[in-house]
Amino acid sequence: MEVTSIRISALQALTVKHFARESEDILIWTVFENAPHYPGEFIARPFSVLRNVTYRCHLSAPKLEALREMLPAGMERLDRVSTDAPAVVEIWV
């Protein structure tokens, strides 16, 4: 996790989603718990499939349920897999 990541609001996350859609991109939001630089928090960071980069922004909340409510609507949750980093909780596509 980079310290330069900017915390965004749910509305800003929706804007990020719309920007990606207009670019014919797919975003994957990875949810982390207790990631480096974010102890005691759940954060979600978007990853651009088309550009193959992680955006330098994140959503954050103290509880997983609250973070899920902040994610843009219309996505599906995927469980973590054994090869994911230990801080990964789930993925949203």
PDB file of N, CA and C in Angstrom:
ATOM      1  N   MET A   1       0.841  -1.173   0.000  1.00  0.00           N
ATOM      2  CA  MET A   1       0.000   0.000   0.000  1.00  0.00           C
ATOM      3  C   MET A   1       0.889   1.239   0.000  1.00  0.00           C
ATOM      4  N   GLU A   2       0.529   2.199  -0.794  1.00  0.00           N
ATOM      5  CA  GLU A   2       1.293   3.429  -0.855  1.00  0.00           C
ATOM      6  C   GLU A   2       0.686   4.475   0.060  1.00  0.00           C
ATOM      7  N   VAL A   3       1.521   5.231   0.715  1.00  0.00           N
ATOM      8  CA  VAL A   3       1.052   6.295   1.584  1.00  0.00           C
ATOM      9  C   VAL A   3       0.400   7.403   0.754  1.00  0.00           C
ATOM     10  N   THR A   4       0.748   7.521  -0.520  1.00  0.00           N
ATOM     11  CA  THR A   4       0.228   8.579  -1.377  1.00  0.00           C
ATOM     12  C   THR A   4      -1.195   8.327  -1.853  1.00  0.00           C
ATOM     13  N   SER A   5      -1.808   7.250  -1.452  1.00  0.00           N
ATOM     14  CA  SER A   5      -3.179   6.963  -1.834  1.00  0.00           C
ATOM     15  C   SER A   5      -4.120   7.972  -1.174  1.00  0.00           C
ATOM     16  N   ILE A   6      -5.061   8.477  -1.927  1.00  0.00           N
ATOM     17  CA  ILE A   6      -5.991   9.487  -1.446  1.00  0.00           C
ATOM     18  C   ILE A   6      -7.317   8.829  -1.060  1.00  0.00           C
ATOM     19  N   ARG A   7      -7.815   9.168   0.118  1.00  0.00           N
ATOM     20  CA  ARG A   7      -9.112   8.653   0.551  1.00  0.00           C
ATOM     21  C   ARG A   7     -10.201   9.384  -0.225  1.00  0.00           C
ATOM     22  N   ILE A   8     -11.140   8.615  -0.800  1.00  0.00           N
ATOM     23  CA  ILE A   8     -12.229   9.195  -1.567  1.00  0.00           C
ATOM     24  C   ILE A   8     -13.567   8.814  -0.937  1.00  0.00           C
ATOM     25  N   SER A   9     -14.604   9.519  -1.332  1.00  0.00           N
ATOM     26  CA  SER A   9     -15.956   9.253  -0.840  1.00  0.00           C
ATOM     27  C   SER A   9     -16.656   8.240  -1.754  1.00  0.00           C
ATOM     28  N   ALA A  10     -17.806   7.769  -1.315  1.00  0.00           N
ATOM     29  CA  ALA A  10     -18.605   6.846  -2.134  1.00  0.00           C
ATOM     30  C   ALA A  10     -19.001   7.515  -3.447  1.00  0.00           C
ATOM     31  N   LEU A  11     -19.327   8.785  -3.412  1.00  0.00           N
ATOM     32  CA  LEU A  11     -19.688   9.507  -4.634  1.00  0.00           C
ATOM     33  C   LEU A  11     -18.495   9.596  -5.585  1.00  0.00           C
ATOM     34  N   GLN A  12     -17.324   9.845  -5.051  1.00  0.00           N
ATOM     35  CA  GLN A  12     -16.122   9.887  -5.884  1.00  0.00           C
ATOM     36  C   GLN A  12     -15.812   8.505  -6.461  1.00  0.00           C
ATOM     37  N   ALA A  13     -16.077   7.442  -5.704  1.00  0.00           N
ATOM     38  CA  ALA A  13     -15.872   6.083  -6.206  1.00  0.00           C
ATOM     39  C   ALA A  13     -16.799   5.812  -7.387  1.00  0.00           C
ATOM     40  N   LEU A  14     -18.007   6.317  -7.316  1.00  0.00           N
ATOM     41  CA  LEU A  14     -18.951   6.169  -8.423  1.00  0.00           C
ATOM     42  C   LEU A  14     -18.438   6.910  -9.656  1.00  0.00           C
ATOM     43  N   THR A  15     -17.841   8.068  -9.453  1.00  0.00           N
ATOM     44  CA  THR A  15     -17.252   8.819 -10.562  1.00  0.00           C
ATOM     45  C   THR A  15     -16.106   8.037 -11.191  1.00  0.00           C
ATOM     46  N   VAL A  16     -15.272   7.414 -10.366  1.00  0.00           N
ATOM     47  CA  VAL A  16     -14.182   6.582 -10.876  1.00  0.00           C
ATOM     48  C   VAL A  16     -14.744   5.440 -11.720  1.00  0.00           C
ATOM     49  N   LYS A  17     -15.818   4.820 -11.241  1.00  0.00           N
ATOM     50  CA  LYS A  17     -16.456   3.724 -11.978  1.00  0.00           C
ATOM     51  C   LYS A  17     -16.978   4.210 -13.334  1.00  0.00           C
ATOM     52  N   HIS A  18     -17.653   5.372 -13.361  1.00  0.00           N
ATOM     53  CA  HIS A  18     -18.188   5.910 -14.614  1.00  0.00           C
ATOM     54  C   HIS A  18     -17.066   6.269 -15.584  1.00  0.00           C
ATOM     55  N   PHE A  19     -15.987   6.841 -15.077  1.00  0.00           N
ATOM     56  CA  PHE A  19     -14.842   7.166 -15.924  1.00  0.00           C
ATOM     57  C   PHE A  19     -14.292   5.899 -16.573  1.00  0.00           C
ATOM     58  N   ALA A  20     -14.151   4.842 -15.787  1.00  0.00           N
ATOM     59  CA  ALA A  20     -13.640   3.575 -16.323  1.00  0.00           C
ATOM     60  C   ALA A  20     -14.588   3.013 -17.377  1.00  0.00           C
ATOM     61  N   ARG A  21     -15.881   3.066 -17.094  1.00  0.00           N
ATOM     62  CA  ARG A  21     -16.867   2.538 -18.044  1.00  0.00           C
ATOM     63  C   ARG A  21     -16.806   3.300 -19.365  1.00  0.00           C
ATOM     64  N   GLU A  22     -16.689   4.626 -19.298  1.00  0.00           N
ATOM     65  CA  GLU A  22     -16.593   5.435 -20.514  1.00  0.00           C
ATOM     66  C   GLU A  22     -15.338   5.101 -21.313  1.00  0.00           C
ATOM     67  N   SER A  23     -14.306   4.651 -20.635  1.00  0.00           N
ATOM     68  CA  SER A  23     -13.049   4.263 -21.282  1.00  0.00           C
ATOM     69  C   SER A  23     -13.055   2.791 -21.700  1.00  0.00           C
ATOM     70  N   GLU A  24     -14.211   2.136 -21.537  1.00  0.00           N
ATOM     71  CA  GLU A  24     -14.357   0.704 -21.832  1.00  0.00           C
ATOM     72  C   GLU A  24     -13.386  -0.135 -21.004  1.00  0.00           C
ATOM     73  N   ASP A  25     -13.196   0.294 -19.770  1.00  0.00           N
ATOM     74  CA  ASP A  25     -12.302  -0.385 -18.839  1.00  0.00           C
ATOM     75  C   ASP A  25     -13.138  -1.153 -17.819  1.00  0.00           C
ATOM     76  N   ILE A  26     -12.516  -2.072 -17.142  1.00  0.00           N
ATOM     77  CA  ILE A  26     -13.135  -2.817 -16.055  1.00  0.00           C
ATOM     78  C   ILE A  26     -12.339  -2.514 -14.797  1.00  0.00           C
ATOM     79  N   LEU A  27     -13.051  -2.189 -13.723  1.00  0.00           N
ATOM     80  CA  LEU A  27     -12.394  -1.956 -12.446  1.00  0.00           C
ATOM     81  C   LEU A  27     -12.603  -3.154 -11.534  1.00  0.00           C
ATOM     82  N   ILE A  28     -11.558  -3.503 -10.838  1.00  0.00           N
ATOM     83  CA  ILE A  28     -11.608  -4.529  -9.806  1.00  0.00           C
ATOM     84  C   ILE A  28     -11.251  -3.831  -8.499  1.00  0.00           C
ATOM     85  N   TRP A  29     -12.162  -3.897  -7.531  1.00  0.00           N
ATOM     86  CA  TRP A  29     -11.918  -3.274  -6.221  1.00  0.00           C
ATOM     87  C   TRP A  29     -11.466  -4.365  -5.260  1.00  0.00           C
ATOM     88  N   THR A  30     -10.262  -4.217  -4.716  1.00  0.00           N
ATOM     89  CA  THR A  30      -9.734  -5.165  -3.744  1.00  0.00           C
ATOM     90  C   THR A  30      -9.921  -4.586  -2.350  1.00  0.00           C
ATOM     91  N   VAL A  31     -10.528  -5.389  -1.471  1.00  0.00           N
ATOM     92  CA  VAL A  31     -10.773  -4.964  -0.096  1.00  0.00           C
ATOM     93  C   VAL A  31      -9.701  -5.564   0.799  1.00  0.00           C
ATOM     94  N   PHE A  32      -9.079  -4.714   1.602  1.00  0.00           N
ATOM     95  CA  PHE A  32      -8.022  -5.114   2.516  1.00  0.00           C
ATOM     96  C   PHE A  32      -8.443  -4.817   3.951  1.00  0.00           C
ATOM     97  N   GLU A  33      -7.922  -5.607   4.882  1.00  0.00           N
ATOM     98  CA  GLU A  33      -8.088  -5.328   6.305  1.00  0.00           C
ATOM     99  C   GLU A  33      -6.708  -5.194   6.921  1.00  0.00           C
ATOM    100  N   ASN A  34      -6.519  -4.135   7.700  1.00  0.00           N
ATOM    101  CA  ASN A  34      -5.238  -3.890   8.372  1.00  0.00           C
ATOM    102  C   ASN A  34      -4.055  -3.880   7.408  1.00  0.00           C
ATOM    103  N   ALA A  35      -4.255  -3.274   6.258  1.00  0.00           N
ATOM    104  CA  ALA A  35      -3.157  -3.168   5.295  1.00  0.00           C
ATOM    105  C   ALA A  35      -2.093  -2.228   5.855  1.00  0.00           C
ATOM    106  N   PRO A  36      -0.851  -2.371   5.401  1.00  0.00           N
ATOM    107  CA  PRO A  36       0.185  -1.442   5.856  1.00  0.00           C
ATOM    108  C   PRO A  36      -0.271   0.000   5.645  1.00  0.00           C
ATOM    109  N   HIS A  37      -0.008   0.860   6.562  1.00  0.00           N
ATOM    110  CA  HIS A  37      -0.382   2.276   6.570  1.00  0.00           C
ATOM    111  C   HIS A  37      -1.855   2.512   6.903  1.00  0.00           C
ATOM    112  N   TYR A  38      -2.654   1.438   7.064  1.00  0.00           N
ATOM    113  CA  TYR A  38      -4.081   1.586   7.368  1.00  0.00           C
ATOM    114  C   TYR A  38      -4.501   0.605   8.467  1.00  0.00           C
ATOM    115  N   PRO A  39      -3.812   0.587   9.595  1.00  0.00           N
ATOM    116  CA  PRO A  39      -4.167  -0.363  10.655  1.00  0.00           C
ATOM    117  C   PRO A  39      -5.562  -0.090  11.217  1.00  0.00           C
ATOM    118  N   GLY A  40      -6.294  -1.154  11.494  1.00  0.00           N
ATOM    119  CA  GLY A  40      -7.621  -1.030  12.085  1.00  0.00           C
ATOM    120  C   GLY A  40      -8.697  -0.573  11.125  1.00  0.00           C
ATOM    121  N   GLU A  41      -8.389  -0.536   9.845  1.00  0.00           N
ATOM    122  CA  GLU A  41      -9.352  -0.087   8.845  1.00  0.00           C
ATOM    123  C   GLU A  41      -9.555  -1.135   7.768  1.00  0.00           C
ATOM    124  N   PHE A  42     -10.703  -1.056   7.137  1.00  0.00           N
ATOM    125  CA  PHE A  42     -10.944  -1.783   5.894  1.00  0.00           C
ATOM    126  C   PHE A  42     -10.810  -0.753   4.789  1.00  0.00           C
ATOM    127  N   ILE A  43     -10.069  -1.083   3.753  1.00  0.00           N
ATOM    128  CA  ILE A  43      -9.943  -0.175   2.619  1.00  0.00           C
ATOM    129  C   ILE A  43     -10.237  -0.942   1.337  1.00  0.00           C
ATOM    130  N   ALA A  44     -10.660  -0.224   0.322  1.00  0.00           N
ATOM    131  CA  ALA A  44     -10.888  -0.800  -1.007  1.00  0.00           C
ATOM    132  C   ALA A  44     -10.167   0.069  -2.017  1.00  0.00           C
ATOM    133  N   ARG A  45      -9.373  -0.584  -2.861  1.00  0.00           N
ATOM    134  CA  ARG A  45      -8.619   0.133  -3.888  1.00  0.00           C
ATOM    135  C   ARG A  45      -9.008  -0.387  -5.253  1.00  0.00           C
ATOM    136  N   PRO A  46      -9.269   0.518  -6.211  1.00  0.00           N
ATOM    137  CA  PRO A  46      -9.631   0.089  -7.564  1.00  0.00           C
ATOM    138  C   PRO A  46      -8.400  -0.214  -8.412  1.00  0.00           C
ATOM    139  N   PHE A  47      -8.534  -1.248  -9.222  1.00  0.00           N
ATOM    140  CA  PHE A  47      -7.491  -1.668 -10.160  1.00  0.00           C
ATOM    141  C   PHE A  47      -8.074  -1.614 -11.559  1.00  0.00           C
ATOM    142  N   SER A  48      -7.367  -0.986 -12.498  1.00  0.00           N
ATOM    143  CA  SER A  48      -7.793  -0.876 -13.887  1.00  0.00           C
ATOM    144  C   SER A  48      -7.269  -2.082 -14.669  1.00  0.00           C
ATOM    145  N   VAL A  49      -8.183  -2.861 -15.223  1.00  0.00           N
ATOM    146  CA  VAL A  49      -7.784  -4.014 -16.030  1.00  0.00           C
ATOM    147  C   VAL A  49      -7.160  -3.546 -17.345  1.00  0.00           C
ATOM    148  N   LEU A  50      -7.753  -2.545 -17.985  1.00  0.00           N
ATOM    149  CA  LEU A  50      -7.268  -2.042 -19.273  1.00  0.00           C
ATOM    150  C   LEU A  50      -5.873  -1.443 -19.161  1.00  0.00           C
ATOM    151  N   ARG A  51      -5.662  -0.642 -18.128  1.00  0.00           N
ATOM    152  CA  ARG A  51      -4.371   0.035 -17.958  1.00  0.00           C
ATOM    153  C   ARG A  51      -3.374  -0.770 -17.136  1.00  0.00           C
ATOM    154  N   ASN A  52      -3.859  -1.810 -16.472  1.00  0.00           N
ATOM    155  CA  ASN A  52      -3.031  -2.672 -15.629  1.00  0.00           C
ATOM    156  C   ASN A  52      -2.332  -1.875 -14.520  1.00  0.00           C
ATOM    157  N   VAL A  53      -3.118  -0.996 -13.865  1.00  0.00           N
ATOM    158  CA  VAL A  53      -2.589  -0.182 -12.771  1.00  0.00           C
ATOM    159  C   VAL A  53      -3.614  -0.100 -11.638  1.00  0.00           C
ATOM    160  N   THR A  54      -3.108   0.085 -10.435  1.00  0.00           N
ATOM    161  CA  THR A  54      -3.959   0.347  -9.288  1.00  0.00           C
ATOM    162  C   THR A  54      -4.083   1.856  -9.143  1.00  0.00           C
ATOM    163  N   TYR A  55      -5.308   2.335  -9.030  1.00  0.00           N
ATOM    164  CA  TYR A  55      -5.534   3.765  -8.834  1.00  0.00           C
ATOM    165  C   TYR A  55      -4.913   4.190  -7.499  1.00  0.00           C
ATOM    166  N   ARG A  56      -4.521   5.436  -7.406  1.00  0.00           N
ATOM    167  CA  ARG A  56      -3.935   5.970  -6.168  1.00  0.00           C
ATOM    168  C   ARG A  56      -5.007   6.614  -5.297  1.00  0.00           C
ATOM    169  N   CYS A  57      -6.087   5.858  -5.099  1.00  0.00           N
ATOM    170  CA  CYS A  57      -7.167   6.325  -4.236  1.00  0.00           C
ATOM    171  C   CYS A  57      -7.743   5.105  -3.526  1.00  0.00           C
ATOM    172  N   HIS A  58      -8.498   5.354  -2.475  1.00  0.00           N
ATOM    173  CA  HIS A  58      -9.109   4.246  -1.748  1.00  0.00           C
ATOM    174  C   HIS A  58     -10.329   4.718  -0.973  1.00  0.00           C
ATOM    175  N   LEU A  59     -11.214   3.782  -0.732  1.00  0.00           N
ATOM    176  CA  LEU A  59     -12.317   3.975   0.196  1.00  0.00           C
ATOM    177  C   LEU A  59     -11.859   3.406   1.522  1.00  0.00           C
ATOM    178  N   SER A  60     -12.360   3.923   2.637  1.00  0.00           N
ATOM    179  CA  SER A  60     -12.008   3.328   3.924  1.00  0.00           C
ATOM    180  C   SER A  60     -13.167   3.446   4.899  1.00  0.00           C
ATOM    181  N   ALA A  61     -13.228   2.472   5.791  1.00  0.00           N
ATOM    182  CA  ALA A  61     -14.259   2.439   6.834  1.00  0.00           C
ATOM    183  C   ALA A  61     -13.758   1.546   7.962  1.00  0.00           C
ATOM    184  N   PRO A  62     -14.260   1.764   9.176  1.00  0.00           N
ATOM    185  CA  PRO A  62     -13.829   0.936  10.304  1.00  0.00           C
ATOM    186  C   PRO A  62     -14.441  -0.467  10.298  1.00  0.00           C
ATOM    187  N   LYS A  63     -15.552  -0.644   9.587  1.00  0.00           N
ATOM    188  CA  LYS A  63     -16.241  -1.943   9.533  1.00  0.00           C
ATOM    189  C   LYS A  63     -16.411  -2.375   8.084  1.00  0.00           C
ATOM    190  N   LEU A  64     -16.323  -3.679   7.834  1.00  0.00           N
ATOM    191  CA  LEU A  64     -16.453  -4.225   6.488  1.00  0.00           C
ATOM    192  C   LEU A  64     -17.807  -3.882   5.874  1.00  0.00           C
ATOM    193  N   GLU A  65     -18.879  -4.001   6.643  1.00  0.00           N
ATOM    194  CA  GLU A  65     -20.215  -3.722   6.123  1.00  0.00           C
ATOM    195  C   GLU A  65     -20.328  -2.269   5.646  1.00  0.00           C
ATOM    196  N   ALA A  66     -19.738  -1.358   6.393  1.00  0.00           N
ATOM    197  CA  ALA A  66     -19.774   0.057   6.014  1.00  0.00           C
ATOM    198  C   ALA A  66     -18.994   0.288   4.726  1.00  0.00           C
ATOM    199  N   LEU A  67     -17.877  -0.392   4.568  1.00  0.00           N
ATOM    200  CA  LEU A  67     -17.083  -0.254   3.350  1.00  0.00           C
ATOM    201  C   LEU A  67     -17.855  -0.803   2.158  1.00  0.00           C
ATOM    202  N   ARG A  68     -18.495  -1.943   2.322  1.00  0.00           N
ATOM    203  CA  ARG A  68     -19.285  -2.525   1.231  1.00  0.00           C
ATOM    204  C   ARG A  68     -20.366  -1.567   0.751  1.00  0.00           C
ATOM    205  N   GLU A  69     -20.972  -0.832   1.674  1.00  0.00           N
ATOM    206  CA  GLU A  69     -22.010   0.130   1.308  1.00  0.00           C
ATOM    207  C   GLU A  69     -21.452   1.310   0.509  1.00  0.00           C
ATOM    208  N   MET A  70     -20.166   1.566   0.648  1.00  0.00           N
ATOM    209  CA  MET A  70     -19.533   2.673  -0.071  1.00  0.00           C
ATOM    210  C   MET A  70     -19.148   2.302  -1.502  1.00  0.00           C
ATOM    211  N   LEU A  71     -19.000   1.018  -1.775  1.00  0.00           N
ATOM    212  CA  LEU A  71     -18.605   0.585  -3.114  1.00  0.00           C
ATOM    213  C   LEU A  71     -19.705   0.890  -4.120  1.00  0.00           C
ATOM    214  N   PRO A  72     -19.334   1.204  -5.375  1.00  0.00           N
ATOM    215  CA  PRO A  72     -20.353   1.475  -6.387  1.00  0.00           C
ATOM    216  C   PRO A  72     -21.281   0.267  -6.571  1.00  0.00           C
ATOM    217  N   ALA A  73     -22.541   0.551  -6.791  1.00  0.00           N
ATOM    218  CA  ALA A  73     -23.548  -0.506  -6.965  1.00  0.00           C
ATOM    219  C   ALA A  73     -23.319  -1.279  -8.266  1.00  0.00           C
ATOM    220  N   GLY A  74     -23.857  -2.485  -8.298  1.00  0.00           N
ATOM    221  CA  GLY A  74     -23.836  -3.281  -9.514  1.00  0.00           C
ATOM    222  C   GLY A  74     -22.639  -4.201  -9.675  1.00  0.00           C
ATOM    223  N   MET A  75     -21.861  -4.367  -8.624  1.00  0.00           N
ATOM    224  CA  MET A  75     -20.693  -5.240  -8.717  1.00  0.00           C
ATOM    225  C   MET A  75     -20.970  -6.556  -8.009  1.00  0.00           C
ATOM    226  N   GLU A  76     -20.151  -7.547  -8.325  1.00  0.00           N
ATOM    227  CA  GLU A  76     -20.260  -8.850  -7.683  1.00  0.00           C
ATOM    228  C   GLU A  76     -19.034  -9.103  -6.821  1.00  0.00           C
ATOM    229  N   ARG A  77     -19.277  -9.733  -5.665  1.00  0.00           N
ATOM    230  CA  ARG A  77     -18.199 -10.036  -4.717  1.00  0.00           C
ATOM    231  C   ARG A  77     -17.593 -11.395  -5.031  1.00  0.00           C
ATOM    232  N   LEU A  78     -16.267 -11.454  -4.983  1.00  0.00           N
ATOM    233  CA  LEU A  78     -15.525 -12.705  -5.127  1.00  0.00           C
ATOM    234  C   LEU A  78     -14.744 -12.934  -3.845  1.00  0.00           C
ATOM    235  N   ASP A  79     -14.730 -14.171  -3.381  1.00  0.00           N
ATOM    236  CA  ASP A  79     -13.958 -14.498  -2.184  1.00  0.00           C
ATOM    237  C   ASP A  79     -12.470 -14.461  -2.496  1.00  0.00           C
ATOM    238  N   ARG A  80     -11.687 -14.254  -1.464  1.00  0.00           N
ATOM    239  CA  ARG A  80     -10.235 -14.277  -1.623  1.00  0.00           C
ATOM    240  C   ARG A  80      -9.794 -15.692  -1.971  1.00  0.00           C
ATOM    241  N   VAL A  81      -8.637 -15.825  -2.578  1.00  0.00           N
ATOM    242  CA  VAL A  81      -8.062 -17.134  -2.887  1.00  0.00           C
ATOM    243  C   VAL A  81      -6.765 -17.286  -2.102  1.00  0.00           C
ATOM    244  N   SER A  82      -6.283 -18.483  -2.016  1.00  0.00           N
ATOM    245  CA  SER A  82      -5.117 -18.778  -1.172  1.00  0.00           C
ATOM    246  C   SER A  82      -3.858 -18.021  -1.593  1.00  0.00           C
ATOM    247  N   THR A  83      -3.777 -17.595  -2.844  1.00  0.00           N
ATOM    248  CA  THR A  83      -2.587 -16.883  -3.314  1.00  0.00           C
ATOM    249  C   THR A  83      -2.651 -15.374  -3.061  1.00  0.00           C
ATOM    250  N   ASP A  84      -3.787 -14.885  -2.561  1.00  0.00           N
ATOM    251  CA  ASP A  84      -3.902 -13.463  -2.235  1.00  0.00           C
ATOM    252  C   ASP A  84      -3.041 -13.121  -1.027  1.00  0.00           C
ATOM    253  N   ALA A  85      -2.649 -11.860  -0.943  1.00  0.00           N
ATOM    254  CA  ALA A  85      -1.912 -11.375   0.226  1.00  0.00           C
ATOM    255  C   ALA A  85      -2.785 -11.569   1.471  1.00  0.00           C
ATOM    256  N   PRO A  86      -2.180 -11.793   2.623  1.00  0.00           N
ATOM    257  CA  PRO A  86      -2.970 -12.030   3.843  1.00  0.00           C
ATOM    258  C   PRO A  86      -3.963 -10.914   4.175  1.00  0.00           C
ATOM    259  N   ALA A  87      -3.674  -9.679   3.796  1.00  0.00           N
ATOM    260  CA  ALA A  87      -4.562  -8.550   4.106  1.00  0.00           C
ATOM    261  C   ALA A  87      -5.808  -8.505   3.219  1.00  0.00           C
ATOM    262  N   VAL A  88      -5.809  -9.265   2.107  1.00  0.00           N
ATOM    263  CA  VAL A  88      -6.960  -9.242   1.197  1.00  0.00           C
ATOM    264  C   VAL A  88      -8.147  -9.966   1.831  1.00  0.00           C
ATOM    265  N   VAL A  89      -9.297  -9.281   1.843  1.00  0.00           N
ATOM    266  CA  VAL A  89     -10.523  -9.850   2.398  1.00  0.00           C
ATOM    267  C   VAL A  89     -11.399 -10.396   1.284  1.00  0.00           C
ATOM    268  N   GLU A  90     -11.581  -9.607   0.217  1.00  0.00           N
ATOM    269  CA  GLU A  90     -12.445  -9.988  -0.890  1.00  0.00           C
ATOM    270  C   GLU A  90     -12.166  -9.072  -2.063  1.00  0.00           C
ATOM    271  N   ILE A  91     -12.744  -9.427  -3.216  1.00  0.00           N
ATOM    272  CA  ILE A  91     -12.588  -8.681  -4.448  1.00  0.00           C
ATOM    273  C   ILE A  91     -13.981  -8.360  -4.975  1.00  0.00           C
ATOM    274  N   TRP A  92     -14.151  -7.177  -5.548  1.00  0.00           N
ATOM    275  CA  TRP A  92     -15.422  -6.790  -6.175  1.00  0.00           C
ATOM    276  C   TRP A  92     -15.169  -6.446  -7.636  1.00  0.00           C
ATOM    277  N   VAL A  93     -15.972  -7.026  -8.523  1.00  0.00           N
ATOM    278  CA  VAL A  93     -15.852  -6.802  -9.969  1.00  0.00           C
ATOM    279  C   VAL A  93     -17.175  -6.257 -10.493  1.00  0.00           C
TER     280      VAL A  93
END
